[in-house]
Amino acid sequence: MAKFIIEDGRPVVRSDWDIDDFETRAIDIELSLTRDQIIRAMKEVADCHDCENGINWYTIDYALENQVEKEIK
């Protein structure tokens, strides 16, 4: 997942997660979510992840499952 790139002449390590990753993971953990719910989960991960732990399948799972919980309430 991580990439080493040169951006504007500076070395950068980047780990990109896109909507395909989130959609596929929702299917893998047997969640049926709308595209809007997936996008909200992506925003949640971006806004709330712990920099010490980074973004991983656990943080993505939590955000996806959180969207289901919000629908129930």
PDB file of N, CA and C in Angstrom:
ATOM      1  N   MET A   1       0.806  -1.201   0.000  1.00  0.00           N
ATOM      2  CA  MET A   1       0.000   0.000   0.000  1.00  0.00           C
ATOM      3  C   MET A   1       0.851   1.268   0.000  1.00  0.00           C
ATOM      4  N   ALA A   2       1.903   1.322   0.798  1.00  0.00           N
ATOM      5  CA  ALA A   2       2.696   2.543   0.871  1.00  0.00           C
ATOM      6  C   ALA A   2       3.512   2.724  -0.400  1.00  0.00           C
ATOM      7  N   LYS A   3       3.701   3.994  -0.747  1.00  0.00           N
ATOM      8  CA  LYS A   3       4.467   4.327  -1.945  1.00  0.00           C
ATOM      9  C   LYS A   3       5.510   5.367  -1.573  1.00  0.00           C
ATOM     10  N   PHE A   4       6.693   5.235  -2.138  1.00  0.00           N
ATOM     11  CA  PHE A   4       7.714   6.263  -2.026  1.00  0.00           C
ATOM     12  C   PHE A   4       7.688   7.041  -3.326  1.00  0.00           C
ATOM     13  N   ILE A   5       7.484   8.353  -3.215  1.00  0.00           N
ATOM     14  CA  ILE A   5       7.436   9.194  -4.414  1.00  0.00           C
ATOM     15  C   ILE A   5       8.243  10.464  -4.169  1.00  0.00           C
ATOM     16  N   ILE A   6       8.549  11.131  -5.247  1.00  0.00           N
ATOM     17  CA  ILE A   6       9.136  12.462  -5.170  1.00  0.00           C
ATOM     18  C   ILE A   6       8.037  13.421  -5.607  1.00  0.00           C
ATOM     19  N   GLU A   7       7.674  14.327  -4.720  1.00  0.00           N
ATOM     20  CA  GLU A   7       6.603  15.282  -5.003  1.00  0.00           C
ATOM     21  C   GLU A   7       7.152  16.692  -4.800  1.00  0.00           C
ATOM     22  N   ASP A   8       7.108  17.487  -5.833  1.00  0.00           N
ATOM     23  CA  ASP A   8       7.667  18.840  -5.777  1.00  0.00           C
ATOM     24  C   ASP A   8       9.122  18.819  -5.314  1.00  0.00           C
ATOM     25  N   GLY A   9       9.877  17.808  -5.768  1.00  0.00           N
ATOM     26  CA  GLY A   9      11.277  17.696  -5.443  1.00  0.00           C
ATOM     27  C   GLY A   9      11.580  17.154  -4.051  1.00  0.00           C
ATOM     28  N   ARG A  10      10.546  16.760  -3.317  1.00  0.00           N
ATOM     29  CA  ARG A  10      10.720  16.259  -1.946  1.00  0.00           C
ATOM     30  C   ARG A  10      10.314  14.796  -1.865  1.00  0.00           C
ATOM     31  N   PRO A  11      11.106  13.976  -1.149  1.00  0.00           N
ATOM     32  CA  PRO A  11      10.713  12.581  -0.958  1.00  0.00           C
ATOM     33  C   PRO A  11       9.500  12.490  -0.024  1.00  0.00           C
ATOM     34  N   VAL A  12       8.554  11.620  -0.386  1.00  0.00           N
ATOM     35  CA  VAL A  12       7.326  11.451   0.380  1.00  0.00           C
ATOM     36  C   VAL A  12       6.991   9.968   0.443  1.00  0.00           C
ATOM     37  N   VAL A  13       6.571   9.504   1.615  1.00  0.00           N
ATOM     38  CA  VAL A  13       5.991   8.168   1.749  1.00  0.00           C
ATOM     39  C   VAL A  13       4.490   8.369   1.900  1.00  0.00           C
ATOM     40  N   ARG A  14       3.731   7.742   1.041  1.00  0.00           N
ATOM     41  CA  ARG A  14       2.284   7.937   1.033  1.00  0.00           C
ATOM     42  C   ARG A  14       1.596   6.585   1.041  1.00  0.00           C
ATOM     43  N   SER A  15       0.551   6.508   1.831  1.00  0.00           N
ATOM     44  CA  SER A  15      -0.285   5.317   1.859  1.00  0.00           C
ATOM     45  C   SER A  15      -1.698   5.739   1.490  1.00  0.00           C
ATOM     46  N   ASP A  16      -2.082   5.468   0.264  1.00  0.00           N
ATOM     47  CA  ASP A  16      -3.388   5.896  -0.232  1.00  0.00           C
ATOM     48  C   ASP A  16      -4.414   4.778  -0.086  1.00  0.00           C
ATOM     49  N   TRP A  17      -5.589   5.148   0.371  1.00  0.00           N
ATOM     50  CA  TRP A  17      -6.741   4.246   0.442  1.00  0.00           C
ATOM     51  C   TRP A  17      -7.838   4.897  -0.383  1.00  0.00           C
ATOM     52  N   ASP A  18      -8.412   4.167  -1.319  1.00  0.00           N
ATOM     53  CA  ASP A  18      -9.474   4.768  -2.122  1.00  0.00           C
ATOM     54  C   ASP A  18     -10.806   4.068  -1.866  1.00  0.00           C
ATOM     55  N   ILE A  19     -11.829   4.564  -2.522  1.00  0.00           N
ATOM     56  CA  ILE A  19     -13.180   4.054  -2.277  1.00  0.00           C
ATOM     57  C   ILE A  19     -13.291   2.568  -2.617  1.00  0.00           C
ATOM     58  N   ASP A  20     -12.519   2.102  -3.597  1.00  0.00           N
ATOM     59  CA  ASP A  20     -12.550   0.672  -3.931  1.00  0.00           C
ATOM     60  C   ASP A  20     -12.109  -0.179  -2.741  1.00  0.00           C
ATOM     61  N   ASP A  21     -11.102   0.294  -2.001  1.00  0.00           N
ATOM     62  CA  ASP A  21     -10.648  -0.431  -0.811  1.00  0.00           C
ATOM     63  C   ASP A  21     -11.773  -0.539   0.217  1.00  0.00           C
ATOM     64  N   PHE A  22     -12.472   0.563   0.441  1.00  0.00           N
ATOM     65  CA  PHE A  22     -13.549   0.587   1.428  1.00  0.00           C
ATOM     66  C   PHE A  22     -14.742  -0.249   0.969  1.00  0.00           C
ATOM     67  N   GLU A  23     -15.103  -0.133  -0.298  1.00  0.00           N
ATOM     68  CA  GLU A  23     -16.233  -0.923  -0.817  1.00  0.00           C
ATOM     69  C   GLU A  23     -15.935  -2.414  -0.760  1.00  0.00           C
ATOM     70  N   THR A  24     -14.753  -2.798  -1.168  1.00  0.00           N
ATOM     71  CA  THR A  24     -14.377  -4.210  -1.136  1.00  0.00           C
ATOM     72  C   THR A  24     -14.347  -4.730   0.295  1.00  0.00           C
ATOM     73  N   ARG A  25     -13.831  -3.917   1.201  1.00  0.00           N
ATOM     74  CA  ARG A  25     -13.772  -4.344   2.600  1.00  0.00           C
ATOM     75  C   ARG A  25     -15.168  -4.496   3.182  1.00  0.00           C
ATOM     76  N   ALA A  26     -16.088  -3.614   2.838  1.00  0.00           N
ATOM     77  CA  ALA A  26     -17.470  -3.739   3.325  1.00  0.00           C
ATOM     78  C   ALA A  26     -18.062  -5.072   2.877  1.00  0.00           C
ATOM     79  N   ILE A  27     -17.808  -5.448   1.647  1.00  0.00           N
ATOM     80  CA  ILE A  27     -18.283  -6.742   1.138  1.00  0.00           C
ATOM     81  C   ILE A  27     -17.619  -7.877   1.902  1.00  0.00           C
ATOM     82  N   ASP A  28     -16.304  -7.769   2.114  1.00  0.00           N
ATOM     83  CA  ASP A  28     -15.555  -8.813   2.827  1.00  0.00           C
ATOM     84  C   ASP A  28     -16.099  -9.066   4.229  1.00  0.00           C
ATOM     85  N   ILE A  29     -16.528  -7.987   4.909  1.00  0.00           N
ATOM     86  CA  ILE A  29     -17.035  -8.160   6.275  1.00  0.00           C
ATOM     87  C   ILE A  29     -18.567  -8.180   6.300  1.00  0.00           C
ATOM     88  N   GLU A  30     -19.135  -8.399   5.110  1.00  0.00           N
ATOM     89  CA  GLU A  30     -20.567  -8.636   4.930  1.00  0.00           C
ATOM     90  C   GLU A  30     -21.439  -7.482   5.414  1.00  0.00           C
ATOM     91  N   LEU A  31     -21.057  -6.267   5.014  1.00  0.00           N
ATOM     92  CA  LEU A  31     -21.868  -5.088   5.287  1.00  0.00           C
ATOM     93  C   LEU A  31     -22.418  -4.559   3.970  1.00  0.00           C
ATOM     94  N   SER A  32     -23.669  -4.186   3.992  1.00  0.00           N
ATOM     95  CA  SER A  32     -24.301  -3.597   2.817  1.00  0.00           C
ATOM     96  C   SER A  32     -24.455  -2.100   3.077  1.00  0.00           C
ATOM     97  N   LEU A  33     -23.598  -1.313   2.442  1.00  0.00           N
ATOM     98  CA  LEU A  33     -23.597   0.127   2.663  1.00  0.00           C
ATOM     99  C   LEU A  33     -23.790   0.859   1.339  1.00  0.00           C
ATOM    100  N   THR A  34     -24.402   2.030   1.427  1.00  0.00           N
ATOM    101  CA  THR A  34     -24.537   2.872   0.244  1.00  0.00           C
ATOM    102  C   THR A  34     -23.204   3.560  -0.027  1.00  0.00           C
ATOM    103  N   ARG A  35     -23.091   4.119  -1.201  1.00  0.00           N
ATOM    104  CA  ARG A  35     -21.869   4.868  -1.545  1.00  0.00           C
ATOM    105  C   ARG A  35     -21.681   6.044  -0.585  1.00  0.00           C
ATOM    106  N   ASP A  36     -22.783   6.711  -0.217  1.00  0.00           N
ATOM    107  CA  ASP A  36     -22.684   7.831   0.724  1.00  0.00           C
ATOM    108  C   ASP A  36     -22.179   7.372   2.091  1.00  0.00           C
ATOM    109  N   GLN A  37     -22.619   6.211   2.542  1.00  0.00           N
ATOM    110  CA  GLN A  37     -22.129   5.677   3.813  1.00  0.00           C
ATOM    111  C   GLN A  37     -20.638   5.349   3.734  1.00  0.00           C
ATOM    112  N   ILE A  38     -20.228   4.811   2.605  1.00  0.00           N
ATOM    113  CA  ILE A  38     -18.804   4.499   2.409  1.00  0.00           C
ATOM    114  C   ILE A  38     -17.983   5.786   2.467  1.00  0.00           C
ATOM    115  N   ILE A  39     -18.461   6.823   1.804  1.00  0.00           N
ATOM    116  CA  ILE A  39     -17.752   8.104   1.801  1.00  0.00           C
ATOM    117  C   ILE A  39     -17.701   8.686   3.204  1.00  0.00           C
ATOM    118  N   ARG A  40     -18.789   8.575   3.959  1.00  0.00           N
ATOM    119  CA  ARG A  40     -18.780   9.052   5.350  1.00  0.00           C
ATOM    120  C   ARG A  40     -17.765   8.262   6.182  1.00  0.00           C
ATOM    121  N   ALA A  41     -17.669   6.962   5.935  1.00  0.00           N
ATOM    122  CA  ALA A  41     -16.679   6.141   6.640  1.00  0.00           C
ATOM    123  C   ALA A  41     -15.265   6.598   6.284  1.00  0.00           C
ATOM    124  N   MET A  42     -15.033   6.914   5.030  1.00  0.00           N
ATOM    125  CA  MET A  42     -13.719   7.407   4.606  1.00  0.00           C
ATOM    126  C   MET A  42     -13.371   8.713   5.320  1.00  0.00           C
ATOM    127  N   LYS A  43     -14.353   9.617   5.415  1.00  0.00           N
ATOM    128  CA  LYS A  43     -14.128  10.890   6.104  1.00  0.00           C
ATOM    129  C   LYS A  43     -13.852  10.653   7.583  1.00  0.00           C
ATOM    130  N   GLU A  44     -14.572   9.718   8.190  1.00  0.00           N
ATOM    131  CA  GLU A  44     -14.350   9.392   9.592  1.00  0.00           C
ATOM    132  C   GLU A  44     -12.920   8.891   9.815  1.00  0.00           C
ATOM    133  N   VAL A  45     -12.464   8.017   8.945  1.00  0.00           N
ATOM    134  CA  VAL A  45     -11.096   7.502   9.061  1.00  0.00           C
ATOM    135  C   VAL A  45     -10.095   8.652   8.925  1.00  0.00           C
ATOM    136  N   ALA A  46     -10.312   9.509   7.951  1.00  0.00           N
ATOM    137  CA  ALA A  46      -9.390  10.629   7.731  1.00  0.00           C
ATOM    138  C   ALA A  46      -9.360  11.577   8.929  1.00  0.00           C
ATOM    139  N   ASP A  47     -10.519  11.815   9.527  1.00  0.00           N
ATOM    140  CA  ASP A  47     -10.611  12.778  10.620  1.00  0.00           C
ATOM    141  C   ASP A  47     -10.229  12.207  11.982  1.00  0.00           C
ATOM    142  N   CYS A  48     -10.402  10.905  12.184  1.00  0.00           N
ATOM    143  CA  CYS A  48     -10.327  10.343  13.533  1.00  0.00           C
ATOM    144  C   CYS A  48      -9.252   9.287  13.756  1.00  0.00           C
ATOM    145  N   HIS A  49      -8.508   8.896  12.745  1.00  0.00           N
ATOM    146  CA  HIS A  49      -7.538   7.817  12.973  1.00  0.00           C
ATOM    147  C   HIS A  49      -6.416   8.271  13.896  1.00  0.00           C
ATOM    148  N   ASP A  50      -5.849   7.328  14.577  1.00  0.00           N
ATOM    149  CA  ASP A  50      -4.734   7.567  15.502  1.00  0.00           C
ATOM    150  C   ASP A  50      -3.435   7.517  14.694  1.00  0.00           C
ATOM    151  N   CYS A  51      -2.720   8.609  14.665  1.00  0.00           N
ATOM    152  CA  CYS A  51      -1.482   8.671  13.866  1.00  0.00           C
ATOM    153  C   CYS A  51      -0.441   7.657  14.313  1.00  0.00           C
ATOM    154  N   GLU A  52      -0.496   7.248  15.562  1.00  0.00           N
ATOM    155  CA  GLU A  52       0.463   6.245  16.041  1.00  0.00           C
ATOM    156  C   GLU A  52       0.178   4.872  15.431  1.00  0.00           C
ATOM    157  N   ASN A  53      -1.093   4.584  15.179  1.00  0.00           N
ATOM    158  CA  ASN A  53      -1.481   3.287  14.608  1.00  0.00           C
ATOM    159  C   ASN A  53      -1.679   3.348  13.106  1.00  0.00           C
ATOM    160  N   GLY A  54      -1.878   4.519  12.571  1.00  0.00           N
ATOM    161  CA  GLY A  54      -2.095   4.670  11.140  1.00  0.00           C
ATOM    162  C   GLY A  54      -3.478   4.200  10.710  1.00  0.00           C
ATOM    163  N   ILE A  55      -3.643   4.100   9.422  1.00  0.00           N
ATOM    164  CA  ILE A  55      -4.890   3.594   8.850  1.00  0.00           C
ATOM    165  C   ILE A  55      -4.641   2.156   8.450  1.00  0.00           C
ATOM    166  N   ASN A  56      -5.477   1.266   8.936  1.00  0.00           N
ATOM    167  CA  ASN A  56      -5.332  -0.156   8.634  1.00  0.00           C
ATOM    168  C   ASN A  56      -6.720  -0.769   8.513  1.00  0.00           C
ATOM    169  N   TRP A  57      -6.768  -2.068   8.275  1.00  0.00           N
ATOM    170  CA  TRP A  57      -8.076  -2.718   8.099  1.00  0.00           C
ATOM    171  C   TRP A  57      -8.946  -2.588   9.335  1.00  0.00           C
ATOM    172  N   TYR A  58      -8.329  -2.551  10.520  1.00  0.00           N
ATOM    173  CA  TYR A  58      -9.117  -2.416  11.750  1.00  0.00           C
ATOM    174  C   TYR A  58      -9.804  -1.058  11.818  1.00  0.00           C
ATOM    175  N   THR A  59      -9.084   0.008  11.460  1.00  0.00           N
ATOM    176  CA  THR A  59      -9.702   1.330  11.509  1.00  0.00           C
ATOM    177  C   THR A  59     -10.767   1.468  10.424  1.00  0.00           C
ATOM    178  N   ILE A  60     -10.530   0.864   9.284  1.00  0.00           N
ATOM    179  CA  ILE A  60     -11.527   0.894   8.212  1.00  0.00           C
ATOM    180  C   ILE A  60     -12.760   0.096   8.614  1.00  0.00           C
ATOM    181  N   ASP A  61     -12.555  -1.099   9.174  1.00  0.00           N
ATOM    182  CA  ASP A  61     -13.691  -1.914   9.636  1.00  0.00           C
ATOM    183  C   ASP A  61     -14.534  -1.144  10.644  1.00  0.00           C
ATOM    184  N   TYR A  62     -13.860  -0.504  11.603  1.00  0.00           N
ATOM    185  CA  TYR A  62     -14.574   0.238  12.645  1.00  0.00           C
ATOM    186  C   TYR A  62     -15.428   1.342  12.028  1.00  0.00           C
ATOM    187  N   ALA A  63     -14.861   2.092  11.101  1.00  0.00           N
ATOM    188  CA  ALA A  63     -15.598   3.187  10.473  1.00  0.00           C
ATOM    189  C   ALA A  63     -16.780   2.670   9.649  1.00  0.00           C
ATOM    190  N   LEU A  64     -16.581   1.570   8.941  1.00  0.00           N
ATOM    191  CA  LEU A  64     -17.678   0.985   8.165  1.00  0.00           C
ATOM    192  C   LEU A  64     -18.784   0.492   9.090  1.00  0.00           C
ATOM    193  N   GLU A  65     -18.405  -0.223  10.143  1.00  0.00           N
ATOM    194  CA  GLU A  65     -19.393  -0.732  11.096  1.00  0.00           C
ATOM    195  C   GLU A  65     -20.109   0.410  11.803  1.00  0.00           C
ATOM    196  N   ASN A  66     -19.403   1.500  12.033  1.00  0.00           N
ATOM    197  CA  ASN A  66     -19.983   2.666  12.670  1.00  0.00           C
ATOM    198  C   ASN A  66     -21.109   3.258  11.823  1.00  0.00           C
ATOM    199  N   GLN A  67     -20.990   3.166  10.514  1.00  0.00           N
ATOM    200  CA  GLN A  67     -22.049   3.662   9.633  1.00  0.00           C
ATOM    201  C   GLN A  67     -23.327   2.845   9.807  1.00  0.00           C
ATOM    202  N   VAL A  68     -23.177   1.536  10.010  1.00  0.00           N
ATOM    203  CA  VAL A  68     -24.339   0.684  10.245  1.00  0.00           C
ATOM    204  C   VAL A  68     -24.985   1.066  11.575  1.00  0.00           C
ATOM    205  N   GLU A  69     -24.170   1.275  12.602  1.00  0.00           N
ATOM    206  CA  GLU A  69     -24.676   1.660  13.921  1.00  0.00           C
ATOM    207  C   GLU A  69     -25.458   2.978  13.847  1.00  0.00           C
ATOM    208  N   LYS A  70     -24.974   3.922  13.068  1.00  0.00           N
ATOM    209  CA  LYS A  70     -25.654   5.206  12.943  1.00  0.00           C
ATOM    210  C   LYS A  70     -27.011   5.053  12.283  1.00  0.00           C
ATOM    211  N   GLU A  71     -27.149   4.091  11.384  1.00  0.00           N
ATOM    212  CA  GLU A  71     -28.433   3.823  10.724  1.00  0.00           C
ATOM    213  C   GLU A  71     -29.446   3.241  11.713  1.00  0.00           C
ATOM    214  N   ILE A  72     -28.962   2.445  12.644  1.00  0.00           N
ATOM    215  CA  ILE A  72     -29.843   1.778  13.603  1.00  0.00           C
ATOM    216  C   ILE A  72     -30.407   2.782  14.603  1.00  0.00           C
ATOM    217  N   LYS A  73     -29.604   3.767  14.983  1.00  0.00           N
ATOM    218  CA  LYS A  73     -30.022   4.738  16.014  1.00  0.00           C
ATOM    219  C   LYS A  73     -30.994   5.754  15.513  1.00  0.00           C
TER     220      LYS A  73
END
